[in-house]
Amino acid sequence: MPQVIGAILPLAIGVAISPIPIIAAILMLLSPRARSTGVGFLLGWLVGVIVAVTVFTLLAAVLPENDPDASKPIAGTIQLILGILLLLLAVRQWRSRPKHGEEPALPKWMSAIDSMTTGRGLLLGFVLAAVNPKNLLLAASAGIVIGSAGLSVGSEILAIAVFTVIAVISVAAPVIAYLVAADRMRGPLDALRGWLVHNNATVMAVLLLVIGVSVIGKGIGSF
């Protein structure tokens, strides 16, 4: 169990350090419907993370290797593929960095956040957590680790819970802080949004590179 937790921690941090969802959450907290859309987005993000990692945990659980001391070529091959895909995403993020003095381009859907309802905020949170390619690959990697470790059902649930708590904390923190002290948080949240907008590509490229190499290493170690 400790080995599994140690293996999924970097993956959960990779999901947590996702500038675009954090920017989206902050924009919602600065919008006219801040409380309702912010909470809706957080709930969608939470459910999306749980669904994604649980699905891949269940899929990995059907793999034939159950002996923790035996080699796991199927799980290892899947991890190698996921690691390579993460490296490709890292290259893509690095190449998308804005040039010096250039304003970074944000997704067009962010312009509609001011008019977003609670339901749409919830749906957006779910999509960014469970369907976004980067988060999907990280959730899949975590699910492979958990599902192929031969844990009991209770231990698997605990591992998924640990992964989820860490993965959602970056979105939960600004939402909870805003709900507690809205007036005092507007300035810091706007400053954080600006920094994330200008450093999104660089942060994600470095993060994906490190995690991709780690996943590939775990895949090689499974043979």
C-alpha atoms as a PDB file:
ATOM      1  CA  MET A   1       0.000   0.000   0.000  1.00  0.00           C
ATOM      2  CA  PRO A   2       2.714   2.607   0.843  1.00  0.00           C
ATOM      3  CA  GLN A   3       4.405   1.839  -2.493  1.00  0.00           C
ATOM      4  CA  VAL A   4       1.143   2.470  -4.347  1.00  0.00           C
ATOM      5  CA  ILE A   5       0.546   5.768  -2.536  1.00  0.00           C
ATOM      6  CA  GLY A   6       4.107   6.829  -3.307  1.00  0.00           C
ATOM      7  CA  ALA A   7       3.652   5.965  -6.969  1.00  0.00           C
ATOM      8  CA  ILE A   8       0.390   7.876  -7.432  1.00  0.00           C
ATOM      9  CA  LEU A   9       1.390  11.023  -5.500  1.00  0.00           C
ATOM     10  CA  PRO A  10       3.314  12.615  -8.417  1.00  0.00           C
ATOM     11  CA  LEU A  11       0.430  11.783 -10.742  1.00  0.00           C
ATOM     12  CA  ALA A  12      -2.094  13.414  -8.412  1.00  0.00           C
ATOM     13  CA  ILE A  13       0.119  16.493  -8.130  1.00  0.00           C
ATOM     14  CA  GLY A  14       0.254  16.560 -11.927  1.00  0.00           C
ATOM     15  CA  VAL A  15      -3.534  16.782 -12.047  1.00  0.00           C
ATOM     16  CA  ALA A  16      -3.566  19.412  -9.297  1.00  0.00           C
ATOM     17  CA  ILE A  17      -1.019  21.638 -11.041  1.00  0.00           C
ATOM     18  CA  SER A  18      -3.241  22.300 -14.043  1.00  0.00           C
ATOM     19  CA  PRO A  19      -3.215  26.037 -14.813  1.00  0.00           C
ATOM     20  CA  ILE A  20      -6.213  26.072 -17.168  1.00  0.00           C
ATOM     21  CA  PRO A  21      -8.742  24.618 -14.645  1.00  0.00           C
ATOM     22  CA  ILE A  22      -7.357  26.889 -11.916  1.00  0.00           C
ATOM     23  CA  ILE A  23      -7.693  29.898 -14.231  1.00  0.00           C
ATOM     24  CA  ALA A  24     -11.251  28.831 -15.078  1.00  0.00           C
ATOM     25  CA  ALA A  25     -12.122  28.500 -11.388  1.00  0.00           C
ATOM     26  CA  ILE A  26     -10.669  31.944 -10.636  1.00  0.00           C
ATOM     27  CA  LEU A  27     -12.563  33.546 -13.536  1.00  0.00           C
ATOM     28  CA  MET A  28     -15.768  32.041 -12.180  1.00  0.00           C
ATOM     29  CA  LEU A  29     -14.996  33.433  -8.740  1.00  0.00           C
ATOM     30  CA  LEU A  30     -14.549  36.874 -10.311  1.00  0.00           C
ATOM     31  CA  SER A  31     -17.817  36.588 -12.276  1.00  0.00           C
ATOM     32  CA  PRO A  32     -21.303  37.858 -11.268  1.00  0.00           C
ATOM     33  CA  ARG A  33     -22.387  34.326 -10.232  1.00  0.00           C
ATOM     34  CA  ALA A  34     -19.199  33.586  -8.348  1.00  0.00           C
ATOM     35  CA  ARG A  35     -20.493  31.378  -5.558  1.00  0.00           C
ATOM     36  CA  SER A  36     -22.836  29.137  -7.528  1.00  0.00           C
ATOM     37  CA  THR A  37     -20.627  28.610 -10.587  1.00  0.00           C
ATOM     38  CA  GLY A  38     -17.471  28.233  -8.481  1.00  0.00           C
ATOM     39  CA  VAL A  39     -19.028  25.538  -6.300  1.00  0.00           C
ATOM     40  CA  GLY A  40     -20.537  23.841  -9.366  1.00  0.00           C
ATOM     41  CA  PHE A  41     -17.159  23.794 -11.104  1.00  0.00           C
ATOM     42  CA  LEU A  42     -15.486  22.339  -8.007  1.00  0.00           C
ATOM     43  CA  LEU A  43     -18.089  19.570  -7.748  1.00  0.00           C
ATOM     44  CA  GLY A  44     -17.692  18.753 -11.432  1.00  0.00           C
ATOM     45  CA  TRP A  45     -13.908  18.652 -11.056  1.00  0.00           C
ATOM     46  CA  LEU A  46     -14.208  16.364  -8.015  1.00  0.00           C
ATOM     47  CA  VAL A  47     -16.594  13.935  -9.725  1.00  0.00           C
ATOM     48  CA  GLY A  48     -14.499  13.952 -12.911  1.00  0.00           C
ATOM     49  CA  VAL A  49     -11.323  13.005 -11.071  1.00  0.00           C
ATOM     50  CA  ILE A  50     -13.069  10.223  -9.146  1.00  0.00           C
ATOM     51  CA  VAL A  51     -14.718   8.786 -12.268  1.00  0.00           C
ATOM     52  CA  ALA A  52     -11.530   8.859 -14.348  1.00  0.00           C
ATOM     53  CA  VAL A  53      -9.235   7.173 -11.820  1.00  0.00           C
ATOM     54  CA  THR A  54     -11.916   4.676 -10.765  1.00  0.00           C
ATOM     55  CA  VAL A  55     -12.631   3.575 -14.334  1.00  0.00           C
ATOM     56  CA  PHE A  56      -8.957   2.889 -15.041  1.00  0.00           C
ATOM     57  CA  THR A  57      -8.524   1.178 -11.678  1.00  0.00           C
ATOM     58  CA  LEU A  58     -11.360  -1.208 -12.536  1.00  0.00           C
ATOM     59  CA  LEU A  59      -9.933  -1.825 -16.013  1.00  0.00           C
ATOM     60  CA  ALA A  60      -6.458  -2.495 -14.612  1.00  0.00           C
ATOM     61  CA  ALA A  61      -7.877  -4.877 -12.024  1.00  0.00           C
ATOM     62  CA  VAL A  62      -8.778  -7.371 -14.770  1.00  0.00           C
ATOM     63  CA  LEU A  63      -5.168  -7.691 -15.902  1.00  0.00           C
ATOM     64  CA  PRO A  64      -3.890 -11.262 -15.323  1.00  0.00           C
ATOM     65  CA  GLU A  65      -0.849 -10.387 -13.181  1.00  0.00           C
ATOM     66  CA  ASN A  66      -1.787 -10.326  -9.497  1.00  0.00           C
ATOM     67  CA  ASP A  67       1.430 -11.456  -7.811  1.00  0.00           C
ATOM     68  CA  PRO A  68       3.194  -8.294  -6.564  1.00  0.00           C
ATOM     69  CA  ASP A  69       6.598 -10.013  -6.906  1.00  0.00           C
ATOM     70  CA  ALA A  70       6.011 -11.145 -10.493  1.00  0.00           C
ATOM     71  CA  SER A  71       6.745  -9.140 -13.621  1.00  0.00           C
ATOM     72  CA  LYS A  72       3.770  -7.282 -15.106  1.00  0.00           C
ATOM     73  CA  PRO A  73       4.437  -6.920 -18.826  1.00  0.00           C
ATOM     74  CA  ILE A  74       0.907  -5.828 -19.727  1.00  0.00           C
ATOM     75  CA  ALA A  75       0.758  -3.094 -17.102  1.00  0.00           C
ATOM     76  CA  GLY A  76       4.339  -2.130 -17.959  1.00  0.00           C
ATOM     77  CA  THR A  77       3.528  -1.805 -21.659  1.00  0.00           C
ATOM     78  CA  ILE A  78       0.508   0.364 -20.900  1.00  0.00           C
ATOM     79  CA  GLN A  79       2.623   2.583 -18.643  1.00  0.00           C
ATOM     80  CA  LEU A  80       5.269   2.942 -21.355  1.00  0.00           C
ATOM     81  CA  ILE A  81       2.622   4.049 -23.839  1.00  0.00           C
ATOM     82  CA  LEU A  82       1.098   6.501 -21.361  1.00  0.00           C
ATOM     83  CA  GLY A  83       4.549   7.887 -20.518  1.00  0.00           C
ATOM     84  CA  ILE A  84       5.384   8.439 -24.182  1.00  0.00           C
ATOM     85  CA  LEU A  85       2.057  10.216 -24.716  1.00  0.00           C
ATOM     86  CA  LEU A  86       2.806  12.469 -21.733  1.00  0.00           C
ATOM     87  CA  LEU A  87       6.192  13.331 -23.244  1.00  0.00           C
ATOM     88  CA  LEU A  88       4.523  14.199 -26.538  1.00  0.00           C
ATOM     89  CA  LEU A  89       2.117  16.481 -24.682  1.00  0.00           C
ATOM     90  CA  ALA A  90       5.111  18.084 -22.951  1.00  0.00           C
ATOM     91  CA  VAL A  91       6.712  18.861 -26.311  1.00  0.00           C
ATOM     92  CA  ARG A  92       3.435  20.283 -27.584  1.00  0.00           C
ATOM     93  CA  GLN A  93       3.068  22.517 -24.518  1.00  0.00           C
ATOM     94  CA  TRP A  94       6.653  23.735 -24.797  1.00  0.00           C
ATOM     95  CA  ARG A  95       6.214  24.664 -28.445  1.00  0.00           C
ATOM     96  CA  SER A  96       3.011  26.558 -27.635  1.00  0.00           C
ATOM     97  CA  ARG A  97       4.777  28.985 -25.278  1.00  0.00           C
ATOM     98  CA  PRO A  98       4.089  32.633 -26.158  1.00  0.00           C
ATOM     99  CA  LYS A  99       7.038  34.571 -27.546  1.00  0.00           C
ATOM    100  CA  HIS A 100       8.573  37.378 -25.510  1.00  0.00           C
ATOM    101  CA  GLY A 101       6.103  40.236 -25.257  1.00  0.00           C
ATOM    102  CA  GLU A 102       3.286  38.203 -26.800  1.00  0.00           C
ATOM    103  CA  GLU A 103       0.007  37.762 -24.956  1.00  0.00           C
ATOM    104  CA  PRO A 104      -0.805  34.065 -24.471  1.00  0.00           C
ATOM    105  CA  ALA A 105      -3.972  32.810 -26.119  1.00  0.00           C
ATOM    106  CA  LEU A 106      -6.618  31.319 -23.847  1.00  0.00           C
ATOM    107  CA  PRO A 107      -9.391  28.885 -24.849  1.00  0.00           C
ATOM    108  CA  LYS A 108     -12.337  30.703 -26.438  1.00  0.00           C
ATOM    109  CA  TRP A 109     -14.799  29.144 -23.979  1.00  0.00           C
ATOM    110  CA  MET A 110     -13.291  31.212 -21.175  1.00  0.00           C
ATOM    111  CA  SER A 111     -14.912  34.331 -22.617  1.00  0.00           C
ATOM    112  CA  ALA A 112     -18.331  32.822 -21.795  1.00  0.00           C
ATOM    113  CA  ILE A 113     -17.587  32.215 -18.099  1.00  0.00           C
ATOM    114  CA  ASP A 114     -19.288  35.442 -16.969  1.00  0.00           C
ATOM    115  CA  SER A 115     -22.629  34.155 -18.263  1.00  0.00           C
ATOM    116  CA  MET A 116     -22.109  30.540 -17.196  1.00  0.00           C
ATOM    117  CA  THR A 117     -24.741  28.810 -15.051  1.00  0.00           C
ATOM    118  CA  THR A 118     -24.102  26.442 -12.162  1.00  0.00           C
ATOM    119  CA  GLY A 119     -24.943  23.421 -14.318  1.00  0.00           C
ATOM    120  CA  ARG A 120     -22.559  24.473 -17.067  1.00  0.00           C
ATOM    121  CA  GLY A 121     -19.873  25.141 -14.509  1.00  0.00           C
ATOM    122  CA  LEU A 122     -20.332  21.630 -13.134  1.00  0.00           C
ATOM    123  CA  LEU A 123     -20.179  20.128 -16.629  1.00  0.00           C
ATOM    124  CA  LEU A 124     -17.078  22.131 -17.501  1.00  0.00           C
ATOM    125  CA  GLY A 125     -15.343  20.973 -14.321  1.00  0.00           C
ATOM    126  CA  PHE A 126     -16.153  17.356 -15.128  1.00  0.00           C
ATOM    127  CA  VAL A 127     -14.909  17.639 -18.716  1.00  0.00           C
ATOM    128  CA  LEU A 128     -11.639  19.321 -17.723  1.00  0.00           C
ATOM    129  CA  ALA A 129     -11.014  16.658 -15.070  1.00  0.00           C
ATOM    130  CA  ALA A 130     -12.105  13.481 -16.856  1.00  0.00           C
ATOM    131  CA  VAL A 131     -11.859  14.217 -20.593  1.00  0.00           C
ATOM    132  CA  ASN A 132      -8.911  16.604 -20.869  1.00  0.00           C
ATOM    133  CA  PRO A 133      -6.093  14.537 -22.488  1.00  0.00           C
ATOM    134  CA  LYS A 134      -3.433  15.444 -19.922  1.00  0.00           C
ATOM    135  CA  ASN A 135      -5.578  14.652 -16.899  1.00  0.00           C
ATOM    136  CA  LEU A 136      -6.961  11.541 -18.557  1.00  0.00           C
ATOM    137  CA  LEU A 137      -3.445  10.184 -19.105  1.00  0.00           C
ATOM    138  CA  LEU A 138      -2.483  10.944 -15.510  1.00  0.00           C
ATOM    139  CA  ALA A 139      -5.662   9.345 -14.158  1.00  0.00           C
ATOM    140  CA  ALA A 140      -5.065   6.328 -16.389  1.00  0.00           C
ATOM    141  CA  SER A 141      -1.501   6.014 -15.082  1.00  0.00           C
ATOM    142  CA  ALA A 142      -2.743   6.191 -11.485  1.00  0.00           C
ATOM    143  CA  GLY A 143      -5.500   3.689 -12.194  1.00  0.00           C
ATOM    144  CA  ILE A 144      -3.008   1.246 -13.691  1.00  0.00           C
ATOM    145  CA  VAL A 145      -0.834   1.526 -10.574  1.00  0.00           C
ATOM    146  CA  ILE A 146      -3.757   1.020  -8.188  1.00  0.00           C
ATOM    147  CA  GLY A 147      -5.603  -1.659 -10.128  1.00  0.00           C
ATOM    148  CA  SER A 148      -2.569  -3.808 -10.903  1.00  0.00           C
ATOM    149  CA  ALA A 149      -1.160  -3.784  -7.352  1.00  0.00           C
ATOM    150  CA  GLY A 150      -3.379  -6.611  -6.080  1.00  0.00           C
ATOM    151  CA  LEU A 151      -4.855  -4.499  -3.270  1.00  0.00           C
ATOM    152  CA  SER A 152      -8.031  -5.216  -1.364  1.00  0.00           C
ATOM    153  CA  VAL A 153     -11.151  -3.253  -2.274  1.00  0.00           C
ATOM    154  CA  GLY A 154     -10.791  -1.119   0.848  1.00  0.00           C
ATOM    155  CA  SER A 155      -7.165  -0.298   0.023  1.00  0.00           C
ATOM    156  CA  GLU A 156      -8.085   0.582  -3.547  1.00  0.00           C
ATOM    157  CA  ILE A 157     -10.788   2.952  -2.296  1.00  0.00           C
ATOM    158  CA  LEU A 158      -8.280   4.550   0.079  1.00  0.00           C
ATOM    159  CA  ALA A 159      -5.728   4.979  -2.718  1.00  0.00           C
ATOM    160  CA  ILE A 160      -8.370   6.548  -4.983  1.00  0.00           C
ATOM    161  CA  ALA A 161      -9.403   8.864  -2.127  1.00  0.00           C
ATOM    162  CA  VAL A 162      -5.790   9.985  -1.563  1.00  0.00           C
ATOM    163  CA  PHE A 163      -5.327  10.614  -5.279  1.00  0.00           C
ATOM    164  CA  THR A 164      -8.586  12.567  -5.452  1.00  0.00           C
ATOM    165  CA  VAL A 165      -7.915  14.785  -2.440  1.00  0.00           C
ATOM    166  CA  ILE A 166      -4.517  15.835  -3.790  1.00  0.00           C
ATOM    167  CA  ALA A 167      -5.777  16.247  -7.360  1.00  0.00           C
ATOM    168  CA  VAL A 168      -8.670  18.557  -6.425  1.00  0.00           C
ATOM    169  CA  ILE A 169      -6.918  20.689  -3.803  1.00  0.00           C
ATOM    170  CA  SER A 170      -5.661  23.315  -6.276  1.00  0.00           C
ATOM    171  CA  VAL A 171      -9.211  24.020  -7.467  1.00  0.00           C
ATOM    172  CA  ALA A 172     -10.790  23.595  -4.040  1.00  0.00           C
ATOM    173  CA  ALA A 173      -8.413  26.021  -2.312  1.00  0.00           C
ATOM    174  CA  PRO A 174      -9.406  29.215  -4.194  1.00  0.00           C
ATOM    175  CA  VAL A 175     -13.103  28.295  -4.139  1.00  0.00           C
ATOM    176  CA  ILE A 176     -13.120  27.665  -0.387  1.00  0.00           C
ATOM    177  CA  ALA A 177     -11.000  30.759   0.262  1.00  0.00           C
ATOM    178  CA  TYR A 178     -13.433  32.877  -1.752  1.00  0.00           C
ATOM    179  CA  LEU A 179     -16.444  31.472   0.093  1.00  0.00           C
ATOM    180  CA  VAL A 180     -14.778  32.334   3.422  1.00  0.00           C
ATOM    181  CA  ALA A 181     -13.416  35.794   2.547  1.00  0.00           C
ATOM    182  CA  ALA A 182     -14.688  36.962  -0.836  1.00  0.00           C
ATOM    183  CA  ASP A 183     -13.661  40.629  -0.620  1.00  0.00           C
ATOM    184  CA  ARG A 184     -10.112  39.939   0.523  1.00  0.00           C
ATOM    185  CA  MET A 185      -9.521  37.193  -2.061  1.00  0.00           C
ATOM    186  CA  ARG A 186     -10.415  39.099  -5.256  1.00  0.00           C
ATOM    187  CA  GLY A 187      -7.042  40.856  -5.543  1.00  0.00           C
ATOM    188  CA  PRO A 188      -4.840  37.805  -4.852  1.00  0.00           C
ATOM    189  CA  LEU A 189      -6.971  35.608  -7.126  1.00  0.00           C
ATOM    190  CA  ASP A 190      -6.684  38.077 -10.005  1.00  0.00           C
ATOM    191  CA  ALA A 191      -2.906  38.275  -9.521  1.00  0.00           C
ATOM    192  CA  LEU A 192      -2.655  34.466  -9.497  1.00  0.00           C
ATOM    193  CA  ARG A 193      -4.781  34.280 -12.632  1.00  0.00           C
ATOM    194  CA  GLY A 194      -2.418  36.660 -14.447  1.00  0.00           C
ATOM    195  CA  TRP A 195       0.658  34.653 -13.471  1.00  0.00           C
ATOM    196  CA  LEU A 196      -0.913  31.353 -14.525  1.00  0.00           C
ATOM    197  CA  VAL A 197      -2.042  32.778 -17.869  1.00  0.00           C
ATOM    198  CA  HIS A 198       1.504  33.850 -18.767  1.00  0.00           C
ATOM    199  CA  ASN A 199       3.240  30.717 -17.461  1.00  0.00           C
ATOM    200  CA  ASN A 200       0.692  28.016 -18.313  1.00  0.00           C
ATOM    201  CA  ALA A 201       2.605  26.412 -21.202  1.00  0.00           C
ATOM    202  CA  THR A 202       5.977  26.406 -19.420  1.00  0.00           C
ATOM    203  CA  VAL A 203       4.581  24.972 -16.189  1.00  0.00           C
ATOM    204  CA  MET A 204       2.722  22.221 -18.016  1.00  0.00           C
ATOM    205  CA  ALA A 205       5.650  21.334 -20.278  1.00  0.00           C
ATOM    206  CA  VAL A 206       8.055  20.853 -17.358  1.00  0.00           C
ATOM    207  CA  LEU A 207       5.452  19.002 -15.307  1.00  0.00           C
ATOM    208  CA  LEU A 208       4.516  16.619 -18.123  1.00  0.00           C
ATOM    209  CA  LEU A 209       8.174  15.972 -18.906  1.00  0.00           C
ATOM    210  CA  VAL A 210       8.971  14.980 -15.319  1.00  0.00           C
ATOM    211  CA  ILE A 211       5.866  12.829 -14.886  1.00  0.00           C
ATOM    212  CA  GLY A 212       6.227  11.244 -18.333  1.00  0.00           C
ATOM    213  CA  VAL A 213       9.768  10.139 -17.556  1.00  0.00           C
ATOM    214  CA  SER A 214       8.596   8.810 -14.175  1.00  0.00           C
ATOM    215  CA  VAL A 215       5.779   6.796 -15.759  1.00  0.00           C
ATOM    216  CA  ILE A 216       8.146   5.361 -18.383  1.00  0.00           C
ATOM    217  CA  GLY A 217      10.544   4.379 -15.592  1.00  0.00           C
ATOM    218  CA  LYS A 218       7.762   2.567 -13.727  1.00  0.00           C
ATOM    219  CA  GLY A 219       6.758   0.840 -16.953  1.00  0.00           C
ATOM    220  CA  ILE A 220      10.299  -0.400 -17.559  1.00  0.00           C
ATOM    221  CA  GLY A 221      10.479  -1.581 -13.946  1.00  0.00           C
ATOM    222  CA  SER A 222       7.363  -3.724 -14.457  1.00  0.00           C
ATOM    223  CA  PHE A 223       9.129  -6.110 -16.824  1.00  0.00           C
END
